[in-house]
Amino acid sequence: MNPYAVLAAAAEQWERIAGALGPAPRERLAALLARARHDDRGRHTGRQRHEAALAAVDLLAERLPELFGGEQQARLTLTAPPPGAAAESVTHLGFTAEDLAVLLIDGHRMVGPLLGPVRERLLAAPALDLDTVLLGGTDPFVPALIRLRGRGGAVRLPSLQFTAAHRPRPIVLAVNEILAADRDPWGAADWWLSADARLDARPETLIGTADEQQLLDTVRMLAEQE
């Protein structure tokens, strides 16, 4: 059985099941998903991740048998990943098992067929970790800094925010404040890393140039339009 198919289906139905799981089952499910999800540190083997995913499916089947038990589970596990792909890459209506971990552990909604690819694109951009920022003498939890939760739950701070010495760039902090990066870090990161028609460029490419004042002018205009 491929348990990741069931977990992907749970992510797709999260709005329906979130309120049906009590505090203790949610905590147990979160712990199992933390073990089941892949992370770059290699803290768990493939077998350990698979066993944790199976245990997470058992928990869902026990607590929500009408959705994830018996025939429903058998139907979901017929889904197969693309040829040559890892078992955990299986999808259900565009959702993945990783999406369930994002929803439950990371606490944001950058998941599914529309926002999931955006999440992966933004996480693929160069970034610093918390320790590197701290070593540079900066508090990584300054509200005006963008902090994204990456695979495995690790905090990533897009590198565009920092100088070569890992100090925050004043222009970026000023823009991030207007973008409300503390409340919507994904939206702020997407603005920096996507082409902007008003600037005729990706905003990050103007940092440190003679045109960087346009960054502030543009986000102020955006804020006024909201």
N, C-alpha and C. Protein backbone atom coordinates (compact mmCIF):
# COMPACT_ATOMS: atom_id res chain seq x y z
N MET A 1 0.84 -1.19 0.00
CA MET A 1 0.00 0.00 0.00
C MET A 1 0.88 1.25 0.00
N ASN A 2 0.47 2.24 -0.78
CA ASN A 2 1.18 3.52 -0.78
C ASN A 2 0.45 4.49 0.16
N PRO A 3 0.94 4.67 1.38
CA PRO A 3 0.24 5.53 2.34
C PRO A 3 0.22 7.00 1.93
N TYR A 4 1.18 7.38 1.08
CA TYR A 4 1.27 8.80 0.70
C TYR A 4 0.05 9.24 -0.12
N ALA A 5 -0.60 8.30 -0.80
CA ALA A 5 -1.82 8.64 -1.53
C ALA A 5 -2.93 9.03 -0.56
N VAL A 6 -3.03 8.31 0.56
CA VAL A 6 -4.05 8.63 1.56
C VAL A 6 -3.75 9.97 2.21
N LEU A 7 -2.48 10.22 2.51
CA LEU A 7 -2.11 11.49 3.13
C LEU A 7 -2.34 12.66 2.17
N ALA A 8 -2.12 12.42 0.88
CA ALA A 8 -2.40 13.45 -0.11
C ALA A 8 -3.90 13.76 -0.15
N ALA A 9 -4.73 12.71 -0.06
CA ALA A 9 -6.18 12.91 -0.03
C ALA A 9 -6.60 13.66 1.22
N ALA A 10 -5.93 13.40 2.34
CA ALA A 10 -6.24 14.11 3.58
C ALA A 10 -5.91 15.59 3.44
N ALA A 11 -4.83 15.90 2.73
CA ALA A 11 -4.49 17.31 2.49
C ALA A 11 -5.58 17.98 1.66
N GLU A 12 -6.06 17.28 0.66
CA GLU A 12 -7.11 17.85 -0.21
C GLU A 12 -8.40 18.08 0.58
N GLN A 13 -8.65 17.27 1.59
CA GLN A 13 -9.88 17.37 2.38
C GLN A 13 -9.64 18.03 3.74
N TRP A 14 -8.55 18.77 3.86
CA TRP A 14 -8.16 19.31 5.16
C TRP A 14 -9.25 20.18 5.78
N GLU A 15 -9.92 20.99 5.01
CA GLU A 15 -10.97 21.85 5.57
C GLU A 15 -12.06 21.02 6.23
N ARG A 16 -12.28 19.84 5.69
CA ARG A 16 -13.33 18.97 6.21
C ARG A 16 -12.89 18.22 7.46
N ILE A 17 -11.61 17.81 7.49
CA ILE A 17 -11.18 16.93 8.58
C ILE A 17 -10.51 17.67 9.74
N ALA A 18 -10.05 18.90 9.49
CA ALA A 18 -9.29 19.61 10.53
C ALA A 18 -10.07 19.72 11.83
N GLY A 19 -11.35 20.05 11.73
CA GLY A 19 -12.16 20.21 12.92
C GLY A 19 -12.62 18.91 13.53
N ALA A 20 -12.47 17.81 12.78
CA ALA A 20 -12.93 16.51 13.27
C ALA A 20 -11.86 15.80 14.09
N LEU A 21 -10.64 16.28 14.05
CA LEU A 21 -9.56 15.69 14.83
C LEU A 21 -9.38 16.49 16.12
N GLY A 22 -9.44 15.84 17.24
CA GLY A 22 -9.24 16.52 18.51
C GLY A 22 -7.79 16.89 18.71
N PRO A 23 -7.47 17.64 19.77
CA PRO A 23 -6.10 18.08 20.02
C PRO A 23 -5.08 16.95 20.09
N ALA A 24 -5.41 15.88 20.81
CA ALA A 24 -4.45 14.77 20.95
C ALA A 24 -4.18 14.07 19.61
N PRO A 25 -5.23 13.70 18.83
CA PRO A 25 -4.96 13.09 17.53
C PRO A 25 -4.19 14.01 16.59
N ARG A 26 -4.49 15.32 16.62
CA ARG A 26 -3.75 16.26 15.77
C ARG A 26 -2.27 16.29 16.15
N GLU A 27 -2.00 16.27 17.44
CA GLU A 27 -0.61 16.29 17.91
C GLU A 27 0.10 15.01 17.48
N ARG A 28 -0.58 13.87 17.60
CA ARG A 28 0.01 12.60 17.19
C ARG A 28 0.24 12.57 15.68
N LEU A 29 -0.74 13.06 14.91
CA LEU A 29 -0.60 13.09 13.46
C LEU A 29 0.56 13.99 13.06
N ALA A 30 0.69 15.13 13.71
CA ALA A 30 1.79 16.05 13.41
C ALA A 30 3.15 15.38 13.66
N ALA A 31 3.26 14.64 14.76
CA ALA A 31 4.51 13.97 15.08
C ALA A 31 4.85 12.92 14.02
N LEU A 32 3.83 12.19 13.58
CA LEU A 32 4.07 11.16 12.55
C LEU A 32 4.44 11.79 11.21
N LEU A 33 3.78 12.88 10.86
CA LEU A 33 4.10 13.55 9.59
C LEU A 33 5.49 14.15 9.62
N ALA A 34 5.92 14.62 10.79
CA ALA A 34 7.27 15.17 10.91
C ALA A 34 8.31 14.11 10.60
N ARG A 35 8.01 12.86 10.95
CA ARG A 35 8.92 11.76 10.63
C ARG A 35 8.77 11.29 9.20
N ALA A 36 7.56 11.39 8.68
CA ALA A 36 7.29 10.86 7.35
C ALA A 36 7.79 11.77 6.23
N ARG A 37 7.84 13.08 6.48
CA ARG A 37 8.22 14.00 5.41
C ARG A 37 9.72 13.95 5.17
N HIS A 38 10.09 14.16 3.92
CA HIS A 38 11.51 14.16 3.55
C HIS A 38 12.14 15.47 3.99
N ASP A 39 13.37 15.42 4.46
CA ASP A 39 14.10 16.66 4.75
C ASP A 39 15.55 16.48 4.34
N ASP A 40 16.20 17.60 4.06
CA ASP A 40 17.56 17.56 3.52
C ASP A 40 18.59 17.10 4.54
N ARG A 41 18.22 17.05 5.81
CA ARG A 41 19.19 16.63 6.82
C ARG A 41 19.28 15.12 6.95
N GLY A 42 18.36 14.40 6.35
CA GLY A 42 18.39 12.95 6.38
C GLY A 42 18.24 12.38 7.77
N ARG A 43 17.38 12.99 8.59
CA ARG A 43 17.23 12.54 9.97
C ARG A 43 16.54 11.19 10.06
N HIS A 44 15.76 10.82 9.03
CA HIS A 44 15.06 9.54 9.04
C HIS A 44 15.30 8.82 7.73
N THR A 45 15.45 7.51 7.81
CA THR A 45 15.65 6.70 6.61
C THR A 45 14.34 6.59 5.84
N GLY A 46 14.45 6.11 4.60
CA GLY A 46 13.25 5.90 3.80
C GLY A 46 12.29 4.94 4.47
N ARG A 47 12.82 3.90 5.09
CA ARG A 47 11.97 2.93 5.77
C ARG A 47 11.26 3.57 6.97
N GLN A 48 11.98 4.38 7.75
CA GLN A 48 11.38 5.05 8.90
C GLN A 48 10.28 6.01 8.46
N ARG A 49 10.53 6.71 7.36
CA ARG A 49 9.51 7.64 6.86
C ARG A 49 8.27 6.88 6.40
N HIS A 50 8.49 5.75 5.72
CA HIS A 50 7.38 4.95 5.23
C HIS A 50 6.55 4.40 6.40
N GLU A 51 7.23 3.92 7.43
CA GLU A 51 6.52 3.38 8.60
C GLU A 51 5.71 4.48 9.29
N ALA A 52 6.28 5.67 9.37
CA ALA A 52 5.55 6.79 9.99
C ALA A 52 4.33 7.16 9.15
N ALA A 53 4.47 7.11 7.82
CA ALA A 53 3.34 7.41 6.94
C ALA A 53 2.24 6.38 7.11
N LEU A 54 2.60 5.10 7.24
CA LEU A 54 1.61 4.05 7.48
C LEU A 54 0.88 4.28 8.80
N ALA A 55 1.63 4.66 9.84
CA ALA A 55 1.01 4.92 11.14
C ALA A 55 0.07 6.12 11.06
N ALA A 56 0.43 7.13 10.26
CA ALA A 56 -0.44 8.29 10.09
C ALA A 56 -1.74 7.89 9.41
N VAL A 57 -1.65 7.00 8.42
CA VAL A 57 -2.85 6.50 7.72
C VAL A 57 -3.73 5.72 8.70
N ASP A 58 -3.11 4.89 9.54
CA ASP A 58 -3.87 4.12 10.53
C ASP A 58 -4.62 5.07 11.48
N LEU A 59 -3.97 6.15 11.87
CA LEU A 59 -4.61 7.11 12.76
C LEU A 59 -5.83 7.74 12.08
N LEU A 60 -5.66 8.13 10.82
CA LEU A 60 -6.78 8.74 10.07
C LEU A 60 -7.92 7.74 9.91
N ALA A 61 -7.57 6.50 9.62
CA ALA A 61 -8.61 5.47 9.45
C ALA A 61 -9.36 5.22 10.75
N GLU A 62 -8.64 5.28 11.86
CA GLU A 62 -9.27 5.05 13.17
C GLU A 62 -10.19 6.20 13.55
N ARG A 63 -9.72 7.42 13.32
CA ARG A 63 -10.48 8.60 13.73
C ARG A 63 -11.56 8.99 12.73
N LEU A 64 -11.31 8.73 11.46
CA LEU A 64 -12.25 9.14 10.40
C LEU A 64 -12.50 7.98 9.45
N PRO A 65 -13.09 6.89 9.95
CA PRO A 65 -13.26 5.69 9.11
C PRO A 65 -14.13 5.93 7.89
N GLU A 66 -15.06 6.87 7.98
CA GLU A 66 -15.94 7.12 6.84
C GLU A 66 -15.19 7.75 5.67
N LEU A 67 -14.01 8.33 5.94
CA LEU A 67 -13.22 8.97 4.89
C LEU A 67 -11.99 8.16 4.50
N PHE A 68 -11.37 7.48 5.49
CA PHE A 68 -10.08 6.87 5.22
C PHE A 68 -9.99 5.40 5.64
N GLY A 69 -11.12 4.77 5.88
CA GLY A 69 -11.09 3.36 6.25
C GLY A 69 -11.64 2.48 5.15
N GLY A 70 -11.33 1.19 5.25
CA GLY A 70 -11.92 0.18 4.37
C GLY A 70 -11.80 0.48 2.89
N GLU A 71 -12.96 0.52 2.21
CA GLU A 71 -12.99 0.69 0.76
C GLU A 71 -12.42 2.04 0.33
N GLN A 72 -12.67 3.08 1.13
CA GLN A 72 -12.15 4.41 0.77
C GLN A 72 -10.63 4.39 0.70
N GLN A 73 -10.00 3.76 1.69
CA GLN A 73 -8.54 3.68 1.71
C GLN A 73 -8.02 2.87 0.53
N ALA A 74 -8.67 1.77 0.25
CA ALA A 74 -8.25 0.92 -0.88
C ALA A 74 -8.35 1.69 -2.19
N ARG A 75 -9.40 2.46 -2.34
CA ARG A 75 -9.58 3.24 -3.58
C ARG A 75 -8.47 4.27 -3.72
N LEU A 76 -8.15 4.96 -2.63
CA LEU A 76 -7.14 6.01 -2.68
C LEU A 76 -5.75 5.46 -2.99
N THR A 77 -5.44 4.27 -2.45
CA THR A 77 -4.09 3.73 -2.60
C THR A 77 -3.87 3.08 -3.96
N LEU A 78 -4.90 3.11 -4.82
CA LEU A 78 -4.68 2.66 -6.19
C LEU A 78 -3.88 3.67 -6.99
N THR A 79 -3.87 4.92 -6.50
CA THR A 79 -3.14 5.98 -7.18
C THR A 79 -1.64 5.67 -7.13
N ALA A 80 -0.97 5.83 -8.25
CA ALA A 80 0.46 5.54 -8.32
C ALA A 80 1.24 6.80 -8.68
N PRO A 81 2.48 6.91 -8.22
CA PRO A 81 3.31 8.06 -8.60
C PRO A 81 3.74 7.92 -10.06
N PRO A 82 4.23 8.99 -10.68
CA PRO A 82 4.73 8.90 -12.05
C PRO A 82 5.84 7.87 -12.16
N PRO A 83 6.01 7.24 -13.34
CA PRO A 83 7.07 6.24 -13.52
C PRO A 83 8.43 6.79 -13.12
N GLY A 84 9.13 6.02 -12.28
CA GLY A 84 10.46 6.41 -11.84
C GLY A 84 10.49 7.40 -10.69
N ALA A 85 9.32 7.88 -10.26
CA ALA A 85 9.27 8.86 -9.17
C ALA A 85 9.18 8.17 -7.82
N ALA A 86 9.54 8.87 -6.77
CA ALA A 86 9.47 8.33 -5.42
C ALA A 86 8.02 8.13 -5.02
N ALA A 87 7.78 7.18 -4.10
CA ALA A 87 6.42 6.86 -3.68
C ALA A 87 5.71 8.07 -3.09
N GLU A 88 6.45 8.93 -2.38
CA GLU A 88 5.81 10.07 -1.73
C GLU A 88 5.40 11.18 -2.71
N SER A 89 5.77 11.04 -3.98
CA SER A 89 5.42 12.07 -4.97
C SER A 89 4.02 11.87 -5.54
N VAL A 90 3.32 10.81 -5.12
CA VAL A 90 1.96 10.57 -5.61
C VAL A 90 1.07 11.76 -5.25
N THR A 91 0.13 12.08 -6.11
CA THR A 91 -0.76 13.22 -5.86
C THR A 91 -2.22 12.78 -5.84
N HIS A 92 -3.04 13.60 -5.22
CA HIS A 92 -4.49 13.41 -5.22
C HIS A 92 -5.12 14.76 -5.52
N LEU A 93 -5.67 14.89 -6.70
CA LEU A 93 -6.26 16.15 -7.16
C LEU A 93 -5.27 17.31 -7.01
N GLY A 94 -4.01 17.00 -7.27
CA GLY A 94 -2.97 18.02 -7.22
C GLY A 94 -2.35 18.24 -5.86
N PHE A 95 -2.82 17.53 -4.83
CA PHE A 95 -2.26 17.64 -3.48
C PHE A 95 -1.29 16.49 -3.24
N THR A 96 -0.34 16.70 -2.32
CA THR A 96 0.65 15.68 -1.96
C THR A 96 0.64 15.45 -0.45
N ALA A 97 1.31 14.39 -0.02
CA ALA A 97 1.44 14.14 1.42
C ALA A 97 2.20 15.28 2.10
N GLU A 98 3.18 15.86 1.41
CA GLU A 98 3.92 16.99 1.96
C GLU A 98 2.98 18.16 2.25
N ASP A 99 1.95 18.31 1.42
CA ASP A 99 0.98 19.38 1.65
C ASP A 99 0.29 19.22 3.01
N LEU A 100 0.01 17.98 3.40
CA LEU A 100 -0.62 17.75 4.69
C LEU A 100 0.31 18.17 5.83
N ALA A 101 1.60 17.88 5.69
CA ALA A 101 2.57 18.30 6.70
C ALA A 101 2.67 19.82 6.75
N VAL A 102 2.61 20.46 5.59
CA VAL A 102 2.66 21.92 5.54
C VAL A 102 1.47 22.52 6.29
N LEU A 103 0.29 21.98 6.04
CA LEU A 103 -0.92 22.49 6.67
C LEU A 103 -0.90 22.31 8.18
N LEU A 104 -0.50 21.14 8.62
CA LEU A 104 -0.60 20.80 10.04
C LEU A 104 0.60 21.27 10.85
N ILE A 105 1.79 21.19 10.28
CA ILE A 105 3.00 21.51 11.04
C ILE A 105 3.48 22.93 10.77
N ASP A 106 3.56 23.28 9.49
CA ASP A 106 4.11 24.60 9.13
C ASP A 106 3.08 25.71 9.31
N GLY A 107 1.80 25.35 9.28
CA GLY A 107 0.76 26.32 9.59
C GLY A 107 0.46 27.35 8.53
N HIS A 108 0.70 27.04 7.26
CA HIS A 108 0.29 27.95 6.19
C HIS A 108 -0.39 27.15 5.10
N ARG A 109 -0.94 27.85 4.12
CA ARG A 109 -1.80 27.21 3.12
C ARG A 109 -1.23 27.29 1.70
N MET A 110 0.08 27.32 1.59
CA MET A 110 0.71 27.29 0.26
C MET A 110 0.76 25.84 -0.23
N VAL A 111 -0.40 25.28 -0.51
CA VAL A 111 -0.51 23.88 -0.87
C VAL A 111 -1.43 23.72 -2.08
N GLY A 112 -1.45 22.48 -2.61
CA GLY A 112 -2.38 22.17 -3.68
C GLY A 112 -1.85 22.48 -5.06
N PRO A 113 -2.65 22.25 -6.09
CA PRO A 113 -2.19 22.38 -7.46
C PRO A 113 -1.84 23.81 -7.87
N LEU A 114 -2.40 24.81 -7.19
CA LEU A 114 -2.11 26.20 -7.55
C LEU A 114 -0.98 26.79 -6.71
N LEU A 115 -1.09 26.68 -5.40
CA LEU A 115 -0.12 27.32 -4.51
C LEU A 115 1.09 26.44 -4.20
N GLY A 116 0.93 25.12 -4.31
CA GLY A 116 2.07 24.22 -4.06
C GLY A 116 3.25 24.52 -4.96
N PRO A 117 3.06 24.65 -6.29
CA PRO A 117 4.19 24.98 -7.16
C PRO A 117 4.81 26.34 -6.84
N VAL A 118 3.98 27.30 -6.43
CA VAL A 118 4.51 28.61 -6.02
C VAL A 118 5.41 28.44 -4.80
N ARG A 119 4.96 27.64 -3.84
CA ARG A 119 5.77 27.37 -2.65
C ARG A 119 7.12 26.78 -3.04
N GLU A 120 7.12 25.79 -3.91
CA GLU A 120 8.37 25.15 -4.31
C GLU A 120 9.27 26.11 -5.07
N ARG A 121 8.68 26.97 -5.91
CA ARG A 121 9.49 27.94 -6.65
C ARG A 121 10.15 28.93 -5.71
N LEU A 122 9.40 29.42 -4.73
CA LEU A 122 9.97 30.39 -3.80
C LEU A 122 11.02 29.75 -2.91
N LEU A 123 10.81 28.51 -2.52
CA LEU A 123 11.80 27.82 -1.67
C LEU A 123 13.06 27.47 -2.45
N ALA A 124 12.97 27.42 -3.77
CA ALA A 124 14.14 27.10 -4.60
C ALA A 124 15.09 28.30 -4.73
N ALA A 125 14.62 29.49 -4.39
CA ALA A 125 15.46 30.68 -4.48
C ALA A 125 16.54 30.63 -3.40
N PRO A 126 17.71 31.24 -3.64
CA PRO A 126 18.77 31.25 -2.62
C PRO A 126 18.26 31.80 -1.29
N ALA A 127 18.67 31.16 -0.19
CA ALA A 127 18.18 31.56 1.12
C ALA A 127 19.22 31.26 2.19
N LEU A 128 19.08 31.93 3.32
CA LEU A 128 19.93 31.70 4.48
C LEU A 128 19.12 31.02 5.57
N ASP A 129 19.82 30.28 6.43
CA ASP A 129 19.11 29.68 7.57
C ASP A 129 19.26 30.58 8.79
N LEU A 130 18.57 30.22 9.86
CA LEU A 130 18.57 31.06 11.06
C LEU A 130 19.97 31.26 11.64
N ASP A 131 20.75 30.19 11.69
CA ASP A 131 22.08 30.27 12.30
C ASP A 131 22.99 31.22 11.52
N THR A 132 22.91 31.18 10.19
CA THR A 132 23.76 32.05 9.38
C THR A 132 23.42 33.51 9.61
N VAL A 133 22.13 33.81 9.71
CA VAL A 133 21.71 35.19 9.97
C VAL A 133 22.15 35.63 11.35
N LEU A 134 22.03 34.76 12.33
CA LEU A 134 22.47 35.09 13.69
C LEU A 134 23.97 35.37 13.74
N LEU A 135 24.75 34.56 13.03
CA LEU A 135 26.20 34.76 12.99
C LEU A 135 26.56 36.08 12.35
N GLY A 136 25.70 36.57 11.46
CA GLY A 136 25.92 37.86 10.83
C GLY A 136 25.56 39.03 11.72
N GLY A 137 25.08 38.71 12.93
CA GLY A 137 24.76 39.76 13.88
C GLY A 137 23.36 40.31 13.77
N THR A 138 22.47 39.59 13.10
CA THR A 138 21.10 40.07 12.91
C THR A 138 20.11 39.12 13.56
N ASP A 139 19.11 39.69 14.18
CA ASP A 139 18.01 38.90 14.73
C ASP A 139 17.15 38.41 13.56
N PRO A 140 17.11 37.11 13.30
CA PRO A 140 16.35 36.61 12.14
C PRO A 140 14.84 36.75 12.29
N PHE A 141 14.38 37.12 13.49
CA PHE A 141 12.95 37.25 13.73
C PHE A 141 12.48 38.71 13.73
N VAL A 142 13.30 39.59 13.18
CA VAL A 142 12.86 40.97 12.95
C VAL A 142 11.62 40.92 12.07
N PRO A 143 10.53 41.60 12.47
CA PRO A 143 9.26 41.48 11.71
C PRO A 143 9.39 41.78 10.23
N ALA A 144 10.29 42.70 9.85
CA ALA A 144 10.38 43.10 8.44
C ALA A 144 11.16 42.13 7.57
N LEU A 145 11.64 41.03 8.14
CA LEU A 145 12.34 40.02 7.33
C LEU A 145 11.35 38.94 6.90
N ILE A 146 11.52 38.47 5.67
CA ILE A 146 10.70 37.37 5.15
C ILE A 146 11.28 36.06 5.68
N ARG A 147 10.43 35.27 6.30
CA ARG A 147 10.81 33.94 6.79
C ARG A 147 9.84 32.92 6.20
N LEU A 148 10.37 31.95 5.48
CA LEU A 148 9.55 30.92 4.85
C LEU A 148 9.84 29.58 5.51
N ARG A 149 8.80 28.78 5.67
CA ARG A 149 8.99 27.42 6.20
C ARG A 149 9.27 26.49 5.04
N GLY A 150 10.47 25.91 5.04
CA GLY A 150 10.87 25.02 3.96
C GLY A 150 10.58 23.57 4.28
N ARG A 151 11.02 22.67 3.39
CA ARG A 151 10.81 21.24 3.57
C ARG A 151 11.44 20.79 4.89
N GLY A 152 10.67 20.03 5.64
CA GLY A 152 11.13 19.61 6.95
C GLY A 152 10.84 20.63 8.03
N GLY A 153 10.20 21.75 7.64
CA GLY A 153 9.85 22.77 8.60
C GLY A 153 10.95 23.77 8.90
N ALA A 154 12.11 23.65 8.21
CA ALA A 154 13.22 24.56 8.46
C ALA A 154 12.87 25.97 7.99
N VAL A 155 13.30 26.98 8.77
CA VAL A 155 13.06 28.37 8.41
C VAL A 155 14.12 28.83 7.40
N ARG A 156 13.65 29.43 6.31
CA ARG A 156 14.56 29.94 5.27
C ARG A 156 14.27 31.43 5.06
N LEU A 157 15.33 32.21 5.01
CA LEU A 157 15.21 33.64 4.79
C LEU A 157 15.82 33.96 3.42
N PRO A 158 15.01 34.38 2.44
CA PRO A 158 15.54 34.66 1.11
C PRO A 158 16.78 35.55 1.14
N SER A 159 17.81 35.14 0.41
CA SER A 159 19.10 35.84 0.45
C SER A 159 19.02 37.26 -0.08
N LEU A 160 18.05 37.54 -0.92
CA LEU A 160 17.93 38.89 -1.49
C LEU A 160 17.82 39.96 -0.41
N GLN A 161 17.47 39.56 0.80
CA GLN A 161 17.27 40.52 1.89
C GLN A 161 18.57 40.98 2.53
N PHE A 162 19.70 40.31 2.18
CA PHE A 162 20.93 40.52 2.91
C PHE A 162 22.09 40.93 2.01
N THR A 163 23.05 41.63 2.62
CA THR A 163 24.30 41.95 1.94
C THR A 163 25.20 40.71 1.97
N ALA A 164 26.37 40.84 1.35
CA ALA A 164 27.32 39.72 1.36
C ALA A 164 27.78 39.38 2.77
N ALA A 165 27.71 40.36 3.68
CA ALA A 165 28.09 40.13 5.08
C ALA A 165 26.90 39.66 5.91
N HIS A 166 25.81 39.32 5.24
CA HIS A 166 24.60 38.82 5.89
C HIS A 166 23.93 39.86 6.80
N ARG A 167 24.04 41.11 6.41
CA ARG A 167 23.34 42.18 7.10
C ARG A 167 22.10 42.57 6.29
N PRO A 168 20.98 42.89 6.93
CA PRO A 168 19.76 43.24 6.19
C PRO A 168 19.96 44.49 5.35
N ARG A 169 19.38 44.49 4.17
CA ARG A 169 19.44 45.66 3.30
C ARG A 169 18.32 46.62 3.70
N PRO A 170 18.64 47.88 4.01
CA PRO A 170 17.60 48.83 4.44
C PRO A 170 16.45 48.96 3.44
N ILE A 171 16.74 48.97 2.15
CA ILE A 171 15.68 49.12 1.16
C ILE A 171 14.71 47.94 1.21
N VAL A 172 15.24 46.76 1.47
CA VAL A 172 14.39 45.56 1.53
C VAL A 172 13.52 45.60 2.78
N LEU A 173 14.10 46.00 3.90
CA LEU A 173 13.31 46.10 5.13
C LEU A 173 12.18 47.10 4.97
N ALA A 174 12.46 48.22 4.32
CA ALA A 174 11.43 49.24 4.12
C ALA A 174 10.30 48.72 3.24
N VAL A 175 10.67 48.02 2.17
CA VAL A 175 9.66 47.46 1.27
C VAL A 175 8.88 46.36 1.97
N ASN A 176 9.57 45.50 2.68
CA ASN A 176 8.90 44.39 3.37
C ASN A 176 7.88 44.90 4.40
N GLU A 177 8.20 46.01 5.04
CA GLU A 177 7.25 46.57 6.00
C GLU A 177 5.94 46.93 5.31
N ILE A 178 6.04 47.53 4.14
CA ILE A 178 4.83 47.91 3.40
C ILE A 178 4.11 46.66 2.89
N LEU A 179 4.87 45.65 2.51
CA LEU A 179 4.28 44.40 2.02
C LEU A 179 3.73 43.53 3.16
N ALA A 180 3.91 43.97 4.41
CA ALA A 180 3.46 43.21 5.58
C ALA A 180 4.04 41.80 5.56
N ALA A 181 5.35 41.74 5.42
CA ALA A 181 6.03 40.44 5.32
C ALA A 181 5.86 39.59 6.55
N ASP A 182 5.63 40.22 7.71
CA ASP A 182 5.43 39.44 8.93
C ASP A 182 4.12 38.67 8.89
N ARG A 183 3.10 39.22 8.22
CA ARG A 183 1.80 38.54 8.13
C ARG A 183 1.66 37.70 6.87
N ASP A 184 2.31 38.09 5.80
CA ASP A 184 2.18 37.38 4.52
C ASP A 184 3.56 37.21 3.89
N PRO A 185 4.42 36.37 4.50
CA PRO A 185 5.77 36.21 3.97
C PRO A 185 5.80 35.63 2.56
N TRP A 186 4.85 34.73 2.25
CA TRP A 186 4.85 34.13 0.92
C TRP A 186 4.48 35.15 -0.15
N GLY A 187 3.50 36.00 0.18
CA GLY A 187 3.13 37.05 -0.77
C GLY A 187 4.26 38.03 -1.00
N ALA A 188 4.98 38.39 0.08
CA ALA A 188 6.11 39.31 -0.04
C ALA A 188 7.23 38.68 -0.88
N ALA A 189 7.53 37.42 -0.60
CA ALA A 189 8.58 36.74 -1.36
C ALA A 189 8.20 36.63 -2.83
N ASP A 190 6.94 36.35 -3.10
CA ASP A 190 6.49 36.22 -4.48
C ASP A 190 6.62 37.56 -5.22
N TRP A 191 6.35 38.65 -4.53
CA TRP A 191 6.51 39.95 -5.18
C TRP A 191 7.96 40.19 -5.57
N TRP A 192 8.89 39.93 -4.67
CA TRP A 192 10.30 40.15 -4.95
C TRP A 192 10.81 39.27 -6.10
N LEU A 193 10.30 38.06 -6.19
CA LEU A 193 10.88 37.07 -7.09
C LEU A 193 10.09 36.86 -8.38
N SER A 194 9.06 37.66 -8.60
CA SER A 194 8.26 37.55 -9.83
C SER A 194 8.37 38.83 -10.63
N ALA A 195 8.22 38.72 -11.93
CA ALA A 195 8.27 39.90 -12.80
C ALA A 195 7.14 40.86 -12.43
N ASP A 196 7.45 42.14 -12.36
CA ASP A 196 6.47 43.17 -12.06
C ASP A 196 6.33 44.08 -13.27
N ALA A 197 5.10 44.22 -13.77
CA ALA A 197 4.87 44.99 -14.99
C ALA A 197 5.24 46.46 -14.80
N ARG A 198 5.02 47.01 -13.62
CA ARG A 198 5.31 48.43 -13.38
C ARG A 198 6.81 48.69 -13.43
N LEU A 199 7.59 47.73 -12.97
CA LEU A 199 9.04 47.87 -12.94
C LEU A 199 9.70 47.32 -14.20
N ASP A 200 8.93 46.53 -14.96
CA ASP A 200 9.46 45.84 -16.14
C ASP A 200 10.69 45.01 -15.76
N ALA A 201 10.62 44.38 -14.59
CA ALA A 201 11.73 43.57 -14.09
C ALA A 201 11.27 42.81 -12.86
N ARG A 202 12.07 41.83 -12.44
CA ARG A 202 11.85 41.24 -11.13
C ARG A 202 12.38 42.23 -10.10
N PRO A 203 11.61 42.57 -9.09
CA PRO A 203 12.05 43.57 -8.11
C PRO A 203 13.43 43.28 -7.52
N GLU A 204 13.76 42.03 -7.27
CA GLU A 204 15.05 41.72 -6.65
C GLU A 204 16.23 42.20 -7.50
N THR A 205 16.03 42.29 -8.82
CA THR A 205 17.15 42.70 -9.70
C THR A 205 17.48 44.18 -9.56
N LEU A 206 16.61 44.96 -8.94
CA LEU A 206 16.86 46.40 -8.78
C LEU A 206 17.55 46.73 -7.47
N ILE A 207 17.67 45.75 -6.58
CA ILE A 207 18.33 46.00 -5.29
C ILE A 207 19.79 46.38 -5.53
N GLY A 208 20.22 47.47 -4.91
CA GLY A 208 21.61 47.90 -5.03
C GLY A 208 21.92 48.65 -6.31
N THR A 209 20.90 48.96 -7.11
CA THR A 209 21.10 49.72 -8.34
C THR A 209 20.62 51.15 -8.17
N ALA A 210 20.87 51.96 -9.17
CA ALA A 210 20.41 53.35 -9.13
C ALA A 210 18.90 53.45 -9.17
N ASP A 211 18.23 52.37 -9.55
CA ASP A 211 16.77 52.38 -9.68
C ASP A 211 16.04 51.81 -8.46
N GLU A 212 16.76 51.51 -7.39
CA GLU A 212 16.11 50.82 -6.28
C GLU A 212 15.04 51.67 -5.58
N GLN A 213 15.09 52.99 -5.71
CA GLN A 213 14.04 53.82 -5.13
C GLN A 213 12.68 53.49 -5.75
N GLN A 214 12.70 52.99 -6.99
CA GLN A 214 11.45 52.61 -7.64
C GLN A 214 10.74 51.50 -6.87
N LEU A 215 11.49 50.70 -6.14
CA LEU A 215 10.89 49.62 -5.37
C LEU A 215 9.92 50.18 -4.33
N LEU A 216 10.37 51.17 -3.60
CA LEU A 216 9.51 51.80 -2.59
C LEU A 216 8.32 52.50 -3.23
N ASP A 217 8.58 53.22 -4.31
CA ASP A 217 7.49 53.93 -4.99
C ASP A 217 6.41 52.96 -5.46
N THR A 218 6.85 51.80 -5.96
CA THR A 218 5.90 50.83 -6.50
C THR A 218 5.06 50.19 -5.41
N VAL A 219 5.69 49.77 -4.30
CA VAL A 219 4.90 49.12 -3.25
C VAL A 219 4.00 50.13 -2.54
N ARG A 220 4.41 51.37 -2.46
CA ARG A 220 3.54 52.40 -1.89
C ARG A 220 2.29 52.58 -2.75
N MET A 221 2.49 52.54 -4.06
CA MET A 221 1.37 52.64 -4.98
C MET A 221 0.43 51.45 -4.82
N LEU A 222 1.02 50.26 -4.66
CA LEU A 222 0.22 49.06 -4.46
C LEU A 222 -0.59 49.16 -3.17
N ALA A 223 0.04 49.65 -2.11
CA ALA A 223 -0.63 49.79 -0.82
C ALA A 223 -1.80 50.77 -0.91
N GLU A 224 -1.64 51.83 -1.67
CA GLU A 224 -2.69 52.83 -1.81
C GLU A 224 -3.89 52.28 -2.58
N GLN A 225 -3.63 51.30 -3.45
CA GLN A 225 -4.69 50.74 -4.27
C GLN A 225 -5.52 49.70 -3.51
N GLU A 226 -5.01 49.22 -2.39
CA GLU A 226 -5.72 48.18 -1.63
C GLU A 226 -6.82 48.78 -0.77
